[in-house]
């Protein structure tokens, strides 16, 4: 994320030479999105620190009888939870857990494919909700779309993703397992803190639905976290917020350069999904969403394109680097194998989605 942060502010700095700083710069920043993203990250960091996600995973994993059931649970934990706790938080929570469980089951050879599937699952599952990933949160706020309209838009893609993931797991060899023991430490530490974080999360949902001002949610979040667990502030990804701010300035400046604006509009016109997918492969899908949103009002296509654009290269979705970091830290010798497996699977899923979209439109 640091490299993306650097790129964002380098671009902002260069563009400021063309469009000198003025009061209009303040209008570039989408404070609603930044504030809501801050609150969501604080809530998820707090819940993670309290062991909520680890306990939920631990309880589910006790029902495992064979490798297929294990892979289904580990992969679909990421798929489902990413809809509520974002793709990066889902991976931060469940990838280390998956590595631990697979080691306990003496199934180290399955770690690479399972972590790859978890990464794909988190990126695709998160596309179903406005709070599933940063680009959804931004584009949803920008579009003025209703919650029901958003769900209706992304439901077909989410269902297809679930079917593809299920098919991939069912095609793998199934091995019978013995009983697995979940670590004793995976318990909720302070239920009362969890209750407070849950209430803040509900406030975030009200804010997403435009029923509550973001400043109210921010005030409550900061006050609550300060009082119950100040360490949570250290877990928030401030670099992501700064990255957003940098791209907001760059996009705002570029939008005031008529030549660039007309050029990008001509490329986007009628090709919003494909342009978003291709752009995401180079600059990742969050910056692609921020950049392209300034030059088109085709929000539905942009939402679809940036979500599907998370498939493909390792940097197409910055959340993918989280899994890579965990895997390589545990098994540095698997770097090449993981990269190859990741690329093949991601390109396969991306191609599958594009073929499905083309088939539906042709039919």
Protein backbone atom coordinates (compact mmCIF):
# COMPACT_ATOMS: atom_id res chain seq x y z
CA UNK A 1 0.00 0.00 0.00
CA UNK A 2 2.96 2.34 0.63
CA UNK A 3 3.93 2.26 -3.05
CA UNK A 4 0.39 3.09 -4.08
CA UNK A 5 0.34 5.88 -1.48
CA UNK A 6 3.55 7.29 -2.93
CA UNK A 7 2.18 7.12 -6.47
CA UNK A 8 -1.04 8.84 -5.40
CA UNK A 9 0.76 11.82 -3.89
CA UNK A 10 3.35 12.05 -6.67
CA UNK A 11 0.49 12.29 -9.16
CA UNK A 12 -1.26 14.83 -6.93
CA UNK A 13 1.93 16.89 -6.73
CA UNK A 14 2.59 16.82 -10.48
CA UNK A 15 -1.00 17.74 -11.30
CA UNK A 16 -0.82 20.68 -8.88
CA UNK A 17 1.75 22.32 -11.17
CA UNK A 18 -0.86 22.32 -13.95
CA UNK A 19 -3.72 23.31 -11.66
CA UNK A 20 -2.29 25.48 -8.85
CA UNK A 21 -3.81 24.89 -5.38
CA UNK A 22 -6.93 26.92 -4.63
CA UNK A 23 -10.09 26.66 -2.53
CA UNK A 24 -11.56 24.21 -5.05
CA UNK A 25 -9.14 21.58 -3.72
CA UNK A 26 -11.35 21.19 -0.63
CA UNK A 27 -14.24 20.14 -2.85
CA UNK A 28 -12.12 17.33 -4.31
CA UNK A 29 -12.08 15.39 -1.05
CA UNK A 30 -15.01 13.06 -0.38
CA UNK A 31 -15.02 13.41 3.40
CA UNK A 32 -18.11 11.20 3.73
CA UNK A 33 -16.30 8.22 2.21
CA UNK A 34 -13.09 8.81 4.16
CA UNK A 35 -14.95 9.20 7.44
CA UNK A 36 -17.04 6.09 6.93
CA UNK A 37 -14.02 4.07 5.84
CA UNK A 38 -12.17 5.16 8.99
CA UNK A 39 -15.08 4.07 11.20
CA UNK A 40 -15.42 0.69 9.50
CA UNK A 41 -11.70 -0.03 9.79
CA UNK A 42 -11.81 0.92 13.48
CA UNK A 43 -14.74 -1.42 14.13
CA UNK A 44 -13.18 -4.34 12.28
CA UNK A 45 -9.82 -3.82 13.95
CA UNK A 46 -11.54 -3.75 17.34
CA UNK A 47 -13.55 -6.90 16.69
CA UNK A 48 -10.45 -8.67 15.42
CA UNK A 49 -8.50 -7.67 18.55
CA UNK A 50 -11.31 -9.14 20.66
CA UNK A 51 -11.04 -12.49 18.84
CA UNK A 52 -14.53 -12.43 17.34
CA UNK A 53 -13.59 -13.66 13.88
CA UNK A 54 -11.18 -16.27 15.18
CA UNK A 55 -13.84 -17.72 17.48
CA UNK A 56 -16.44 -17.80 14.71
CA UNK A 57 -14.01 -19.63 12.44
CA UNK A 58 -12.97 -21.97 15.23
CA UNK A 59 -16.52 -23.07 15.93
CA UNK A 60 -17.21 -23.75 12.28
CA UNK A 61 -14.01 -25.69 11.75
CA UNK A 62 -14.88 -28.23 14.48
CA UNK A 63 -17.47 -29.84 12.20
CA UNK A 64 -14.87 -30.77 9.56
CA UNK A 65 -14.73 -34.45 8.53
CA UNK A 66 -12.68 -34.31 5.33
CA UNK A 67 -10.44 -32.03 3.29
CA UNK A 68 -13.29 -30.92 1.02
CA UNK A 69 -15.37 -29.70 3.95
CA UNK A 70 -12.32 -27.95 5.36
CA UNK A 71 -11.59 -26.14 2.11
CA UNK A 72 -15.25 -25.19 1.70
CA UNK A 73 -15.30 -23.66 5.18
CA UNK A 74 -11.95 -21.89 4.90
CA UNK A 75 -12.75 -20.43 1.48
CA UNK A 76 -16.37 -19.48 2.11
CA UNK A 77 -15.49 -17.92 5.46
CA UNK A 78 -13.59 -15.35 3.42
CA UNK A 79 -16.36 -15.13 0.84
CA UNK A 80 -19.17 -14.45 3.33
CA UNK A 81 -17.30 -12.40 5.93
CA UNK A 82 -15.78 -10.13 3.28
CA UNK A 83 -19.27 -8.84 2.56
CA UNK A 84 -19.44 -7.41 6.08
CA UNK A 85 -15.87 -6.86 7.27
CA UNK A 86 -14.20 -5.95 3.91
CA UNK A 87 -11.94 -8.14 1.78
CA UNK A 88 -8.67 -7.09 3.41
CA UNK A 89 -9.93 -7.65 6.97
CA UNK A 90 -11.31 -11.07 5.95
CA UNK A 91 -7.90 -12.08 4.60
CA UNK A 92 -6.01 -10.67 7.59
CA UNK A 93 -8.32 -12.71 9.82
CA UNK A 94 -8.67 -16.02 8.03
CA UNK A 95 -5.48 -16.61 6.00
CA UNK A 96 -3.25 -17.11 9.08
CA UNK A 97 -5.99 -19.27 10.57
CA UNK A 98 -6.13 -21.41 7.40
CA UNK A 99 -2.37 -21.90 7.41
CA UNK A 100 -2.50 -22.99 11.05
CA UNK A 101 -5.37 -25.44 10.54
CA UNK A 102 -3.85 -27.00 7.42
CA UNK A 103 -0.56 -27.45 9.26
CA UNK A 104 -2.40 -29.14 12.13
CA UNK A 105 -4.04 -31.50 9.64
CA UNK A 106 -0.65 -32.26 8.03
CA UNK A 107 -1.89 -30.86 4.72
CA UNK A 108 0.87 -28.38 3.92
CA UNK A 109 0.71 -29.11 0.20
CA UNK A 110 -2.83 -27.68 0.15
CA UNK A 111 -1.86 -24.37 1.76
CA UNK A 112 -0.95 -22.60 -1.50
CA UNK A 113 -4.15 -23.49 -3.42
CA UNK A 114 -6.36 -22.83 -0.39
CA UNK A 115 -4.84 -19.39 0.28
CA UNK A 116 -5.22 -18.53 -3.42
CA UNK A 117 -8.89 -19.55 -3.30
CA UNK A 118 -9.37 -17.57 -0.08
CA UNK A 119 -7.97 -14.49 -1.80
CA UNK A 120 -10.26 -14.89 -4.81
CA UNK A 121 -13.20 -15.55 -2.47
CA UNK A 122 -12.56 -12.41 -0.40
CA UNK A 123 -12.23 -10.19 -3.47
CA UNK A 124 -15.37 -11.60 -5.10
CA UNK A 125 -17.51 -11.92 -1.97
CA UNK A 126 -16.79 -8.32 -1.02
CA UNK A 127 -18.35 -7.05 -4.25
CA UNK A 128 -21.87 -7.89 -3.01
CA UNK A 129 -22.15 -5.08 -0.45
CA UNK A 130 -21.32 -1.35 -0.45
CA UNK A 131 -19.06 -1.87 2.57
CA UNK A 132 -17.31 -4.96 1.20
CA UNK A 133 -14.34 -3.08 -0.23
CA UNK A 134 -13.09 0.52 -0.52
CA UNK A 135 -14.07 1.01 -4.17
CA UNK A 136 -17.64 -0.13 -3.50
CA UNK A 137 -17.95 2.24 -0.56
CA UNK A 138 -16.69 5.15 -2.65
CA UNK A 139 -18.70 4.42 -5.80
CA UNK A 140 -21.86 3.66 -3.84
CA UNK A 141 -21.61 6.98 -2.00
CA UNK A 142 -20.79 8.79 -5.24
CA UNK A 143 -23.64 7.25 -7.23
CA UNK A 144 -26.50 7.93 -4.84
CA UNK A 145 -27.70 4.39 -5.54
CA UNK A 146 -30.12 2.72 -3.11
CA UNK A 147 -29.08 -0.37 -1.16
CA UNK A 148 -31.64 -2.54 -2.94
CA UNK A 149 -30.41 -1.35 -6.34
CA UNK A 150 -26.82 -2.15 -5.39
CA UNK A 151 -27.69 -5.65 -4.20
CA UNK A 152 -29.74 -6.28 -7.34
CA UNK A 153 -26.82 -5.15 -9.51
CA UNK A 154 -24.19 -7.35 -7.86
CA UNK A 155 -26.27 -10.43 -6.98
CA UNK A 156 -25.78 -12.26 -10.33
CA UNK A 157 -22.00 -11.76 -10.21
CA UNK A 158 -21.83 -12.87 -6.58
CA UNK A 159 -23.84 -16.02 -7.27
CA UNK A 160 -21.66 -16.85 -10.26
CA UNK A 161 -18.56 -16.35 -8.10
CA UNK A 162 -19.95 -18.72 -5.46
CA UNK A 163 -20.71 -21.38 -8.09
CA UNK A 164 -17.24 -21.08 -9.62
CA UNK A 165 -15.54 -21.34 -6.22
CA UNK A 166 -17.71 -24.31 -5.27
CA UNK A 167 -16.93 -26.05 -8.55
CA UNK A 168 -13.20 -25.51 -8.11
CA UNK A 169 -13.26 -27.04 -4.62
CA UNK A 170 -15.43 -30.01 -5.65
CA UNK A 171 -12.98 -30.86 -8.43
CA UNK A 172 -10.14 -31.25 -5.92
CA UNK A 173 -9.25 -34.63 -4.38
CA UNK A 174 -11.06 -35.31 -1.10
CA UNK A 175 -9.18 -36.82 1.87
CA UNK A 176 -10.76 -38.06 5.13
CA UNK A 177 -9.47 -36.29 8.24
CA UNK A 178 -9.27 -37.03 11.93
CA UNK A 179 -10.50 -34.63 14.63
CA UNK A 180 -8.95 -31.16 14.63
CA UNK A 181 -8.34 -29.24 17.82
CA UNK A 182 -8.84 -25.49 17.66
CA UNK A 183 -6.50 -23.35 19.74
CA UNK A 184 -7.85 -22.65 23.21
CA UNK A 185 -6.93 -18.97 22.89
CA UNK A 186 -9.49 -18.33 20.16
CA UNK A 187 -12.20 -16.94 22.41
CA UNK A 188 -13.89 -13.57 22.67
CA UNK A 189 -11.93 -11.58 25.24
CA UNK A 190 -14.45 -8.93 26.32
CA UNK A 191 -18.07 -9.45 25.22
CA UNK A 192 -19.04 -5.97 26.36
CA UNK A 193 -16.48 -4.43 24.00
CA UNK A 194 -17.83 -6.58 21.17
CA UNK A 195 -21.32 -5.25 21.90
CA UNK A 196 -20.06 -1.67 21.64
CA UNK A 197 -18.29 -2.36 18.34
CA UNK A 198 -21.45 -4.04 17.05
CA UNK A 199 -23.47 -0.92 17.87
CA UNK A 200 -20.94 1.26 16.06
CA UNK A 201 -21.16 -1.08 13.08
CA UNK A 202 -24.93 -0.58 13.03
CA UNK A 203 -24.35 3.18 13.03
CA UNK A 204 -22.04 2.71 10.03
CA UNK A 205 -24.81 0.84 8.22
CA UNK A 206 -27.20 3.70 8.95
CA UNK A 207 -24.62 6.08 7.53
CA UNK A 208 -24.24 3.93 4.41
CA UNK A 209 -28.02 4.11 4.00
CA UNK A 210 -27.79 7.91 4.30
CA UNK A 211 -29.89 7.85 7.49
CA UNK A 212 -27.17 9.29 9.72
CA UNK A 213 -24.50 11.99 9.12
CA UNK A 214 -20.96 10.67 8.92
CA UNK A 215 -19.67 13.18 11.48
CA UNK A 216 -21.97 11.68 14.12
CA UNK A 217 -20.64 8.18 13.44
CA UNK A 218 -17.04 9.44 13.51
CA UNK A 219 -17.55 11.22 16.83
CA UNK A 220 -19.08 8.13 18.44
CA UNK A 221 -16.40 5.84 16.98
CA UNK A 222 -13.44 7.94 18.10
CA UNK A 223 -14.90 8.47 21.58
CA UNK A 224 -15.77 4.80 22.05
CA UNK A 225 -12.42 3.47 20.82
CA UNK A 226 -10.53 6.02 22.93
CA UNK A 227 -12.40 4.84 26.02
CA UNK A 228 -12.40 1.05 25.55
CA UNK A 229 -9.26 0.16 23.57
CA UNK A 230 -6.88 2.86 22.36
CA UNK A 231 -4.66 0.21 20.80
CA UNK A 232 -7.28 -0.18 18.08
CA UNK A 233 -6.18 3.15 16.61
CA UNK A 234 -2.82 1.55 15.77
CA UNK A 235 -4.53 -1.16 13.70
CA UNK A 236 -6.26 1.27 11.32
CA UNK A 237 -4.80 1.48 7.81
CA UNK A 238 -4.20 5.22 7.64
CA UNK A 239 -2.17 4.80 4.46
CA UNK A 240 -5.38 3.77 2.67
CA UNK A 241 -7.09 6.98 3.79
CA UNK A 242 -4.12 9.06 2.66
CA UNK A 243 -4.06 7.17 -0.65
CA UNK A 244 -7.69 8.10 -1.21
CA UNK A 245 -6.96 11.74 -0.40
CA UNK A 246 -4.04 11.84 -2.84
CA UNK A 247 -6.07 10.34 -5.66
CA UNK A 248 -8.98 12.69 -4.88
CA UNK A 249 -6.66 15.66 -5.48
CA UNK A 250 -5.15 14.14 -8.64
CA UNK A 251 -8.56 13.26 -10.09
CA UNK A 252 -9.97 16.66 -9.20
CA UNK A 253 -7.09 18.41 -10.93
CA UNK A 254 -7.25 16.21 -14.02
CA UNK A 255 -10.97 16.89 -14.26
CA UNK A 256 -10.15 20.57 -14.69
CA UNK A 257 -7.83 19.87 -17.64
CA UNK A 258 -10.17 19.83 -20.63
CA UNK A 259 -7.85 17.94 -22.99
CA UNK A 260 -7.36 15.03 -20.59
CA UNK A 261 -11.01 15.03 -19.59
CA UNK A 262 -12.21 14.76 -23.19
CA UNK A 263 -9.66 12.02 -23.98
CA UNK A 264 -10.65 9.82 -21.05
CA UNK A 265 -14.34 10.31 -21.70
CA UNK A 266 -13.87 9.19 -25.30
CA UNK A 267 -12.12 6.00 -24.14
CA UNK A 268 -14.68 5.27 -21.43
CA UNK A 269 -17.76 5.88 -23.54
CA UNK A 270 -19.35 2.47 -24.02
CA UNK A 271 -16.30 0.64 -22.62
CA UNK A 272 -16.61 1.38 -18.91
CA UNK A 273 -16.36 -2.22 -17.68
CA UNK A 274 -13.42 -3.24 -19.86
CA UNK A 275 -11.56 0.01 -19.19
CA UNK A 276 -12.01 -0.47 -15.44
CA UNK A 277 -10.80 -4.09 -15.64
CA UNK A 278 -7.69 -3.19 -17.65
CA UNK A 279 -6.88 -0.14 -15.51
CA UNK A 280 -7.13 -2.25 -12.36
CA UNK A 281 -4.45 -4.63 -13.61
CA UNK A 282 -1.95 -1.76 -13.66
CA UNK A 283 -2.90 0.58 -10.81
CA UNK A 284 -5.24 -1.74 -8.79
CA UNK A 285 -9.00 -1.44 -8.58
CA UNK A 286 -9.33 1.16 -5.81
CA UNK A 287 -7.25 3.83 -7.61
CA UNK A 288 -8.97 2.84 -10.87
CA UNK A 289 -12.36 3.52 -9.29
CA UNK A 290 -11.21 6.88 -7.97
CA UNK A 291 -9.68 7.88 -11.30
CA UNK A 292 -12.43 6.76 -13.68
CA UNK A 293 -15.28 8.03 -11.50
CA UNK A 294 -14.35 11.58 -12.39
CA UNK A 295 -15.04 11.03 -16.08
CA UNK A 296 -18.21 8.96 -16.33
CA UNK A 297 -21.63 8.71 -14.74
CA UNK A 298 -22.09 5.04 -15.63
CA UNK A 299 -21.86 3.98 -12.00
CA UNK A 300 -23.23 0.46 -12.41
CA UNK A 301 -20.68 -0.42 -15.09
CA UNK A 302 -17.88 1.14 -13.09
CA UNK A 303 -18.84 -0.84 -9.99
CA UNK A 304 -18.90 -4.08 -11.99
CA UNK A 305 -15.65 -3.29 -13.80
CA UNK A 306 -13.62 -2.37 -10.73
CA UNK A 307 -14.84 -5.43 -8.83
CA UNK A 308 -14.05 -7.84 -11.65
CA UNK A 309 -10.81 -5.91 -12.13
CA UNK A 310 -9.69 -7.18 -8.73
CA UNK A 311 -9.01 -10.48 -10.50
CA UNK A 312 -5.90 -10.90 -12.62
CA UNK A 313 -2.51 -9.59 -11.51
CA UNK A 314 -1.25 -9.56 -7.95
CA UNK A 315 -1.73 -5.79 -7.70
CA UNK A 316 -5.19 -5.75 -9.29
CA UNK A 317 -6.55 -5.79 -5.75
CA UNK A 318 -4.28 -4.55 -2.98
CA UNK A 319 -5.96 -7.04 -0.63
CA UNK A 320 -4.28 -9.82 -2.61
CA UNK A 321 -0.90 -8.67 -1.30
CA UNK A 322 -2.08 -9.42 2.24
CA UNK A 323 -2.41 -13.14 1.48
CA UNK A 324 0.92 -13.12 -0.34
CA UNK A 325 2.63 -11.54 2.65
CA UNK A 326 1.26 -14.13 5.08
CA UNK A 327 2.06 -17.09 2.81
CA UNK A 328 5.61 -16.01 2.05
CA UNK A 329 6.30 -15.23 5.71
CA UNK A 330 5.39 -18.82 6.62
CA UNK A 331 6.77 -20.56 3.51
CA UNK A 332 9.29 -18.37 1.66
CA UNK A 333 10.22 -21.30 -0.57
CA UNK A 334 6.67 -21.30 -2.00
CA UNK A 335 6.97 -17.80 -3.48
CA UNK A 336 7.25 -18.90 -7.10
CA UNK A 337 4.61 -21.63 -6.83
CA UNK A 338 2.15 -19.29 -5.14
CA UNK A 339 2.65 -16.52 -7.71
CA UNK A 340 2.10 -18.93 -10.60
CA UNK A 341 -0.94 -20.56 -8.99
CA UNK A 342 -2.40 -17.18 -8.07
CA UNK A 343 -2.01 -15.79 -11.60
CA UNK A 344 -3.48 -18.85 -13.33
CA UNK A 345 -6.51 -19.07 -11.02
CA UNK A 346 -7.22 -15.33 -11.07
CA UNK A 347 -6.95 -15.05 -14.85
CA UNK A 348 -9.18 -18.12 -15.14
CA UNK A 349 -11.87 -16.54 -12.97
CA UNK A 350 -11.59 -13.22 -14.81
CA UNK A 351 -11.89 -14.95 -18.17
CA UNK A 352 -14.88 -16.92 -16.90
CA UNK A 353 -16.69 -13.75 -15.84
CA UNK A 354 -15.95 -11.96 -19.12
CA UNK A 355 -17.15 -14.96 -21.16
CA UNK A 356 -20.32 -15.19 -19.06
CA UNK A 357 -21.03 -11.47 -19.55
CA UNK A 358 -20.42 -11.72 -23.30
CA UNK A 359 -22.65 -14.80 -23.56
CA UNK A 360 -25.54 -13.13 -21.72
CA UNK A 361 -25.33 -10.00 -23.85
CA UNK A 362 -25.11 -12.03 -27.08
CA UNK A 363 -28.08 -14.18 -26.08
